[in-house]
Protein backbone atom coordinates (compact mmCIF):
# COMPACT_ATOMS: atom_id res chain seq x y z
CA UNK A 1 -61.17 -30.50 217.31
CA UNK A 2 -63.64 -30.49 214.18
CA UNK A 3 -64.94 -27.72 212.67
CA UNK A 4 -68.48 -29.01 211.78
CA UNK A 5 -70.89 -27.02 213.02
CA UNK A 6 -68.63 -24.18 214.15
CA UNK A 7 -69.99 -20.85 215.72
CA UNK A 8 -67.32 -18.17 214.42
CA UNK A 9 -66.88 -14.61 215.94
CA UNK A 10 -63.77 -12.36 216.11
CA UNK A 11 -63.71 -12.50 220.23
CA UNK A 12 -65.00 -15.12 222.55
CA UNK A 13 -65.05 -14.52 225.83
CA UNK A 14 -65.65 -16.98 228.56
CA UNK A 15 -67.11 -15.64 232.01
CA UNK A 16 -70.13 -13.67 231.61
CA UNK A 17 -69.65 -11.49 235.20
CA UNK A 18 -67.97 -7.55 235.66
CA UNK A 19 -64.48 -8.74 233.68
CA UNK A 20 -65.91 -10.58 231.20
CA UNK A 21 -68.92 -8.42 230.08
CA UNK A 22 -66.76 -5.24 230.03
CA UNK A 23 -64.19 -7.24 228.11
CA UNK A 24 -67.19 -8.17 225.47
CA UNK A 25 -67.96 -4.98 225.64
CA UNK A 26 -64.63 -2.94 224.82
CA UNK A 27 -63.93 -5.90 222.01
CA UNK A 28 -66.79 -5.32 219.90
CA UNK A 29 -67.00 -1.44 220.34
CA UNK A 30 -63.61 -1.58 217.73
CA UNK A 31 -66.17 -3.30 215.72
CA UNK A 32 -65.49 -6.96 216.37
CA UNK A 33 -68.12 -10.01 216.54
CA UNK A 34 -67.91 -11.32 220.33
CA UNK A 35 -69.58 -14.22 221.41
CA UNK A 36 -69.89 -13.90 225.44
CA UNK A 37 -70.59 -18.10 226.49
CA UNK A 38 -71.96 -17.95 230.32
CA UNK A 39 -71.92 -21.31 231.96
CA UNK A 40 -75.47 -20.10 234.07
CA UNK A 41 -78.57 -18.59 232.77
CA UNK A 42 -77.45 -15.34 234.18
CA UNK A 43 -74.02 -14.87 236.53
CA UNK A 44 -74.17 -15.42 239.55
CA UNK A 45 -70.65 -15.57 241.55
CA UNK A 46 -69.04 -12.66 242.87
CA UNK A 47 -70.17 -9.84 240.57
CA UNK A 48 -73.76 -10.63 242.25
CA UNK A 49 -72.85 -11.39 245.76
CA UNK A 50 -71.47 -7.91 246.19
CA UNK A 51 -72.74 -4.82 248.21
CA UNK A 52 -72.60 -2.64 244.83
CA UNK A 53 -69.97 -0.10 246.40
CA UNK A 54 -68.47 1.52 243.43
CA UNK A 55 -65.95 3.59 245.52
CA UNK A 56 -62.45 4.97 244.66
CA UNK A 57 -60.80 4.73 248.07
CA UNK A 58 -60.32 0.34 247.04
CA UNK A 59 -56.89 1.25 245.62
CA UNK A 60 -53.33 3.26 246.35
CA UNK A 61 -53.82 6.87 245.72
CA UNK A 62 -51.74 8.04 242.59
CA UNK A 63 -52.10 4.39 240.41
CA UNK A 64 -52.36 2.64 237.58
CA UNK A 65 -55.26 1.36 239.53
CA UNK A 66 -56.66 4.87 240.52
CA UNK A 67 -57.01 5.83 237.05
CA UNK A 68 -59.18 2.15 236.24
CA UNK A 69 -61.20 3.38 239.18
CA UNK A 70 -61.84 7.07 237.48
CA UNK A 71 -62.48 5.11 234.29
CA UNK A 72 -64.70 2.63 235.54
CA UNK A 73 -66.94 5.92 237.16
CA UNK A 74 -66.68 7.42 233.56
CA UNK A 75 -68.08 4.02 232.11
CA UNK A 76 -70.88 3.32 234.80
CA UNK A 77 -72.11 6.76 234.09
CA UNK A 78 -71.99 7.02 230.25
CA UNK A 79 -73.87 3.75 230.24
CA UNK A 80 -76.41 4.89 232.76
CA UNK A 81 -77.38 8.01 230.80
CA UNK A 82 -78.33 5.53 227.55
CA UNK A 83 -79.64 2.53 229.65
CA UNK A 84 -80.72 2.37 233.36
CA UNK A 85 -78.26 0.07 234.98
CA UNK A 86 -78.99 0.80 238.73
CA UNK A 87 -75.81 2.95 238.67
CA UNK A 88 -76.54 5.62 241.34
CA UNK A 89 -74.57 8.54 242.60
CA UNK A 90 -75.15 8.40 245.98
CA UNK A 91 -71.58 8.95 247.74
CA UNK A 92 -69.69 7.16 250.76
CA UNK A 93 -69.06 7.86 253.64
CA UNK A 94 -66.58 6.55 256.06
CA UNK A 95 -66.83 6.67 259.56
CA UNK A 96 -64.43 7.21 262.94
CA UNK A 97 -64.74 5.91 266.24
CA UNK A 98 -61.06 7.00 267.55
CA UNK A 99 -59.25 9.87 267.64
CA UNK A 100 -56.49 8.17 265.42
CA UNK A 101 -58.83 7.28 262.54
CA UNK A 102 -60.24 10.52 262.61
CA UNK A 103 -56.65 12.47 262.45
CA UNK A 104 -56.19 9.69 259.28
CA UNK A 105 -59.97 10.96 257.51
CA UNK A 106 -57.99 14.87 258.08
CA UNK A 107 -55.12 14.16 256.67
CA UNK A 108 -56.74 12.21 253.82
CA UNK A 109 -59.40 14.94 253.46
CA UNK A 110 -56.26 17.93 253.82
CA UNK A 111 -54.16 15.98 250.81
CA UNK A 112 -57.05 14.48 248.54
CA UNK A 113 -59.98 16.42 249.19
CA UNK A 114 -60.05 18.06 245.79
CA UNK A 115 -58.75 14.96 243.56
CA UNK A 116 -61.70 13.24 245.78
CA UNK A 117 -64.40 14.87 246.27
CA UNK A 118 -64.28 14.11 250.08
CA UNK A 119 -65.32 16.49 252.71
CA UNK A 120 -64.81 15.90 256.75
CA UNK A 121 -67.68 16.20 259.15
CA UNK A 122 -66.60 16.08 263.21
CA UNK A 123 -68.85 14.14 265.30
CA UNK A 124 -71.42 16.63 265.95
CA UNK A 125 -71.89 18.09 262.09
CA UNK A 126 -72.25 13.77 261.64
CA UNK A 127 -74.62 12.65 264.40
CA UNK A 128 -76.47 15.52 263.49
CA UNK A 129 -76.53 14.69 259.53
CA UNK A 130 -77.18 11.47 260.43
CA UNK A 131 -78.79 10.29 263.08
CA UNK A 132 -78.83 6.59 262.70
CA UNK A 133 -75.27 6.30 263.45
CA UNK A 134 -74.20 5.41 267.47
CA UNK A 135 -72.67 8.38 269.23
CA UNK A 136 -70.70 6.62 271.30
CA UNK A 137 -68.75 4.97 267.44
CA UNK A 138 -68.64 8.32 266.14
CA UNK A 139 -65.84 10.72 266.54
CA UNK A 140 -66.50 11.93 262.83
CA UNK A 141 -66.61 11.25 258.94
CA UNK A 142 -65.55 11.35 255.23
CA UNK A 143 -67.79 11.80 253.01
CA UNK A 144 -67.21 10.75 249.38
CA UNK A 145 -69.35 12.54 246.79
CA UNK A 146 -68.42 11.18 243.79
CA UNK A 147 -69.08 7.03 244.67
CA UNK A 148 -71.72 5.14 243.07
CA UNK A 149 -73.57 2.50 244.14
CA UNK A 150 -75.81 -0.78 241.67
CA UNK A 151 -77.61 -3.19 242.43
CA UNK A 152 -75.31 -5.99 242.02
CA UNK A 153 -78.11 -8.77 241.18
CA UNK A 154 -79.57 -6.62 238.49
CA UNK A 155 -76.27 -4.73 236.94
CA UNK A 156 -75.38 -7.64 234.52
CA UNK A 157 -79.60 -8.73 234.11
CA UNK A 158 -80.02 -5.55 232.80
CA UNK A 159 -76.28 -4.54 230.97
CA UNK A 160 -76.10 -7.62 228.62
CA UNK A 161 -79.40 -8.06 227.16
CA UNK A 162 -78.43 -3.91 226.46
CA UNK A 163 -75.20 -4.60 224.54
CA UNK A 164 -76.57 -7.66 222.87
CA UNK A 165 -78.87 -5.32 221.15
CA UNK A 166 -76.87 -2.33 220.73
CA UNK A 167 -73.51 -4.32 220.12
CA UNK A 168 -72.20 -7.24 218.08
CA UNK A 169 -72.42 -8.92 221.10
CA UNK A 170 -74.01 -12.94 221.30
CA UNK A 171 -75.22 -14.05 224.82
CA UNK A 172 -74.74 -17.72 225.00
CA UNK A 173 -75.64 -18.83 228.39
CA UNK A 174 -75.69 -22.64 229.93
CA UNK A 175 -72.59 -23.07 228.00
CA UNK A 176 -69.71 -24.47 230.20
CA UNK A 177 -66.38 -24.22 228.31
CA UNK A 178 -64.09 -27.09 228.88
CA UNK A 179 -61.32 -26.86 226.52
CA UNK A 180 -59.81 -24.14 224.13
CA UNK A 181 -57.07 -25.30 222.42
CA UNK A 182 -55.14 -23.40 218.62
CA UNK A 183 -57.17 -24.53 215.51
CA UNK A 184 -55.07 -23.41 212.31
CA UNK A 185 -54.88 -19.49 212.80
CA UNK A 186 -57.90 -19.53 214.91
CA UNK A 187 -58.44 -20.81 218.33
CA UNK A 188 -61.42 -22.66 219.00
CA UNK A 189 -63.27 -23.27 222.54
CA UNK A 190 -65.30 -26.98 222.78
CA UNK A 191 -68.19 -26.68 225.82
CA UNK A 192 -69.56 -29.60 227.62
CA UNK A 193 -72.03 -30.46 225.16
CA UNK A 194 -69.36 -30.95 223.04
CA UNK A 195 -70.26 -27.88 220.53
CA UNK A 196 -67.77 -25.65 219.23
CA UNK A 197 -66.80 -21.71 218.88
CA UNK A 198 -63.73 -20.33 216.99
CA UNK A 199 -62.14 -17.01 217.13
CA UNK A 200 -59.28 -15.07 216.71
CA UNK A 201 -58.73 -14.11 220.31
CA UNK A 202 -60.11 -16.00 223.24
CA UNK A 203 -60.42 -14.22 226.80
CA UNK A 204 -60.97 -16.31 229.98
CA UNK A 205 -62.71 -14.80 232.07
CA UNK A 206 -63.60 -17.67 234.49
CA UNK A 207 -63.67 -15.87 238.03
CA UNK A 208 -63.50 -18.34 240.97
CA UNK A 209 -63.67 -21.20 238.57
CA UNK A 210 -59.62 -22.37 238.34
CA UNK A 211 -59.91 -25.92 237.76
CA UNK A 212 -61.51 -26.51 235.05
CA UNK A 213 -59.87 -24.01 231.84
CA UNK A 214 -55.29 -24.08 232.42
CA UNK A 215 -55.90 -25.33 236.20
CA UNK A 216 -52.19 -26.00 235.28
CA UNK A 217 -51.51 -22.36 235.22
CA UNK A 218 -53.62 -21.33 238.02
CA UNK A 219 -52.16 -23.98 240.67
CA UNK A 220 -48.61 -22.39 240.08
CA UNK A 221 -50.02 -18.72 240.11
CA UNK A 222 -49.93 -17.75 244.02
CA UNK A 223 -53.52 -16.70 243.99
CA UNK A 224 -55.81 -17.71 246.77
CA UNK A 225 -59.75 -18.46 247.20
CA UNK A 226 -61.06 -15.78 249.05
CA UNK A 227 -63.95 -16.86 250.86
CA UNK A 228 -66.63 -14.20 252.62
CA UNK A 229 -70.05 -14.26 254.04
CA UNK A 230 -72.72 -11.76 253.93
CA UNK A 231 -76.21 -11.13 255.23
CA UNK A 232 -79.07 -8.90 254.24
CA UNK A 233 -82.04 -7.71 256.72
CA UNK A 234 -85.83 -7.16 256.19
CA UNK A 235 -86.77 -3.63 254.39
CA UNK A 236 -86.56 -1.40 256.79
CA UNK A 237 -89.53 1.07 257.24
CA UNK A 238 -88.19 3.89 255.47
CA UNK A 239 -84.94 5.31 253.45
CA UNK A 240 -82.69 4.99 256.61
CA UNK A 241 -78.69 5.40 254.70
CA UNK A 242 -78.47 7.28 251.91
CA UNK A 243 -74.72 6.56 250.95
CA UNK A 244 -72.06 3.26 251.36
CA UNK A 245 -71.24 3.28 255.15
CA UNK A 246 -67.95 2.00 255.86
CA UNK A 247 -66.69 1.68 259.05
CA UNK A 248 -64.10 2.50 260.91
CA UNK A 249 -62.07 -1.21 259.99
CA UNK A 250 -62.36 0.26 256.12
CA UNK A 251 -59.94 3.18 257.07
CA UNK A 252 -57.55 0.00 257.86
CA UNK A 253 -58.16 -2.12 255.08
CA UNK A 254 -58.80 0.41 252.10
CA UNK A 255 -55.18 0.95 250.82
CA UNK A 256 -55.52 4.71 249.91
CA UNK A 257 -55.45 5.78 253.11
CA UNK A 258 -52.22 4.48 253.35
CA UNK A 259 -50.97 7.55 252.30
CA UNK A 260 -51.87 9.67 255.12
CA UNK A 261 -48.53 9.87 257.47
CA UNK A 262 -50.67 8.60 260.71
CA UNK A 263 -51.72 5.45 259.06
CA UNK A 264 -49.08 3.45 261.10
CA UNK A 265 -50.88 5.18 264.25
CA UNK A 266 -54.07 3.00 263.98
CA UNK A 267 -54.79 0.94 266.80
CA UNK A 268 -55.16 -2.69 265.83
CA UNK A 269 -58.42 -4.37 265.14
CA UNK A 270 -59.83 -7.18 267.57
CA UNK A 271 -58.28 -10.91 266.78
CA UNK A 272 -61.66 -12.14 266.06
CA UNK A 273 -61.95 -9.46 263.05
CA UNK A 274 -58.04 -10.09 262.16
CA UNK A 275 -59.02 -14.42 262.41
CA UNK A 276 -62.02 -14.12 259.98
CA UNK A 277 -60.69 -10.57 258.10
CA UNK A 278 -64.14 -9.40 259.02
CA UNK A 279 -64.87 -5.64 257.35
CA UNK A 280 -67.89 -4.36 258.51
CA UNK A 281 -69.99 -2.41 255.56
CA UNK A 282 -73.37 -1.43 255.28
CA UNK A 283 -76.01 -0.85 252.23
CA UNK A 284 -79.45 0.12 251.95
CA UNK A 285 -80.56 -1.50 248.66
CA UNK A 286 -83.75 0.02 246.06
CA UNK A 287 -86.10 -2.41 248.31
CA UNK A 288 -85.30 -0.79 251.43
CA UNK A 289 -83.22 -4.21 252.94
CA UNK A 290 -79.87 -3.47 254.37
CA UNK A 291 -76.49 -5.37 253.54
CA UNK A 292 -73.96 -6.19 256.25
CA UNK A 293 -70.63 -7.47 255.68
CA UNK A 294 -68.33 -9.50 255.17
CA UNK A 295 -65.65 -11.89 256.20
CA UNK A 296 -62.61 -12.68 254.04
CA UNK A 297 -61.29 -16.47 255.10
CA UNK A 298 -58.75 -17.21 252.36
CA UNK A 299 -57.66 -20.52 250.84
CA UNK A 300 -54.79 -22.30 248.77
CA UNK A 301 -56.35 -24.41 246.24
CA UNK A 302 -55.31 -27.80 247.63
CA UNK A 303 -56.95 -27.13 251.02
CA UNK A 304 -60.41 -25.73 249.20
CA UNK A 305 -63.27 -28.73 250.43
CA UNK A 306 -66.78 -28.36 250.38
CA UNK A 307 -66.65 -27.60 253.86
CA UNK A 308 -65.90 -24.05 252.93
CA UNK A 309 -69.49 -23.93 251.65
CA UNK A 310 -70.85 -23.85 254.68
CA UNK A 311 -71.80 -20.28 256.89
CA UNK A 312 -69.71 -20.07 260.06
CA UNK A 313 -72.47 -18.62 262.57
CA UNK A 314 -69.75 -17.06 264.48
CA UNK A 315 -69.19 -15.07 261.89
CA UNK A 316 -72.75 -14.25 261.18
CA UNK A 317 -72.90 -13.09 264.88
CA UNK A 318 -69.61 -10.90 264.65
CA UNK A 319 -70.80 -9.15 262.00
CA UNK A 320 -74.29 -8.35 263.27
CA UNK A 321 -72.16 -7.42 266.67
CA UNK A 322 -70.30 -4.54 264.72
CA UNK A 323 -72.77 -3.43 262.83
CA UNK A 324 -74.89 -3.03 265.78
CA UNK A 325 -72.27 -1.23 267.16
CA UNK A 326 -72.10 1.34 264.43
CA UNK A 327 -75.88 1.63 263.75
CA UNK A 328 -79.07 1.54 265.13
CA UNK A 329 -81.93 0.13 262.59
CA UNK A 330 -85.73 -0.10 263.02
CA UNK A 331 -85.29 -3.96 262.51
CA UNK A 332 -82.36 -6.06 262.62
CA UNK A 333 -83.73 -9.02 261.12
CA UNK A 334 -81.93 -11.27 258.88
CA UNK A 335 -83.87 -12.02 255.70
CA UNK A 336 -80.73 -14.08 254.21
CA UNK A 337 -77.64 -14.87 254.23
CA UNK A 338 -75.04 -16.51 251.89
CA UNK A 339 -71.10 -16.79 250.95
CA UNK A 340 -69.39 -15.46 248.04
CA UNK A 341 -66.09 -16.61 246.74
CA UNK A 342 -63.04 -14.53 244.53
CA UNK A 343 -59.60 -15.27 243.86
CA UNK A 344 -57.44 -13.20 245.59
CA UNK A 345 -53.24 -13.20 245.55
CA UNK A 346 -51.43 -11.67 248.11
CA UNK A 347 -49.27 -9.39 246.35
CA UNK A 348 -50.70 -9.12 242.92
CA UNK A 349 -53.30 -6.98 241.79
CA UNK A 350 -54.88 -9.50 239.30
CA UNK A 351 -54.10 -12.46 237.26
CA UNK A 352 -54.00 -11.81 233.80
CA UNK A 353 -51.42 -13.55 231.70
CA UNK A 354 -51.65 -14.74 228.06
CA UNK A 355 -50.77 -18.49 227.13
CA UNK A 356 -50.16 -17.44 223.63
CA UNK A 357 -51.05 -14.73 221.61
CA UNK A 358 -54.69 -16.15 221.15
CA UNK A 359 -55.61 -17.06 224.34
CA UNK A 360 -56.11 -14.54 227.42
CA UNK A 361 -56.57 -15.35 230.94
CA UNK A 362 -57.73 -12.12 233.24
CA UNK A 363 -59.44 -13.22 236.56
CA UNK A 364 -57.97 -12.84 240.32
CA UNK A 365 -59.11 -8.80 240.32
CA UNK A 366 -60.26 -10.25 244.23
CA UNK A 367 -62.68 -7.49 245.89
CA UNK A 368 -61.86 -4.26 243.78
CA UNK A 369 -64.23 -5.85 240.90
CA UNK A 370 -67.12 -3.33 240.66
CA UNK A 371 -64.82 -0.82 241.01
CA UNK A 372 -62.17 -0.85 238.80
CA UNK A 373 -63.19 -3.80 236.75
CA UNK A 374 -64.65 -1.99 233.58
CA UNK A 375 -61.75 0.29 233.55
CA UNK A 376 -59.12 -2.83 233.70
CA UNK A 377 -61.23 -4.39 230.99
CA UNK A 378 -61.22 -1.37 228.69
CA UNK A 379 -56.88 -0.95 229.58
CA UNK A 380 -57.06 -4.82 228.75
CA UNK A 381 -58.47 -5.09 225.58
CA UNK A 382 -56.83 -2.29 224.07
CA UNK A 383 -53.31 -3.90 225.25
CA UNK A 384 -53.93 -6.81 223.93
CA UNK A 385 -56.17 -6.31 220.16
CA UNK A 386 -54.42 -2.79 220.16
CA UNK A 387 -55.19 1.37 220.37
């Protein structure tokens, strides 16, 4: 690569999703100059297509990732105190519909009630406090007071300009990195337009894009593409859901509950739920709409095709069916539908790999990016750049 007309910095981060933006943030907090490259005007992929639930049960209890989740909430809270990035502490409610599910929630409160700040409500208490719940589907619930919610379509659009203003970060949109290579003692990034950028350290936080940079590494990584489908209703006439609402499916899906003695006694899910990986969640956004989802279909890289861009109407029907079994809404009219994509590994929590001393891949955090990504990013920057 030529060194003419090259923009230089200490660190280059490729990809401005949650993982990329917080890698840039924590590098800049060390006094380093950072270039944050983004192929779109603003991030538009998984970091913006999710519920915006910041939940503590999405990882196992008493693990390294528990620490990342705890640290993530601290990071969000600190930044929100300085600048509005839509972080709200509104809590999460996990609804049980069977005696076995309620027993798991009861055991979780008994074992982790203090550390997770969670409180169990029986059916009578739950229905009195939350009349939108359908009585036949609620045998009780567990309320987590410390969980956050954010507006994912707004968070990065509010955060990135603030970081550019307050930190040594330059945001460079409309920049698709197509090559990263050593250049003397530094590393050079080339974009699709032929522009060059150089730095001592390059972090590749490319989300679900595995075909452009280092495709051979991704091809042999064991990661897969996860496709999800989500819905949004029209605005409701009033605020109905005060918390993130997680269904009985969440008790089975989220790893923290596996620590409960009765977890293995939970009834199996419907075959259709298992086939499409449906995990029912609901959240009311600031505009009054309610987000409903989601599904999880996994595809090896070699099986990904254009057909996976289409929305499956059967999944849409099932998501609405299970949502209507759980809650009553004044208006079930759907305003919009969309797909999301992220990288997932059956065993690994993230794809974090150094190509050499100056090129580092960090992606594949799957569905826990919003809840753990900032905390992981801080730890990863410290591990690579030193304490």
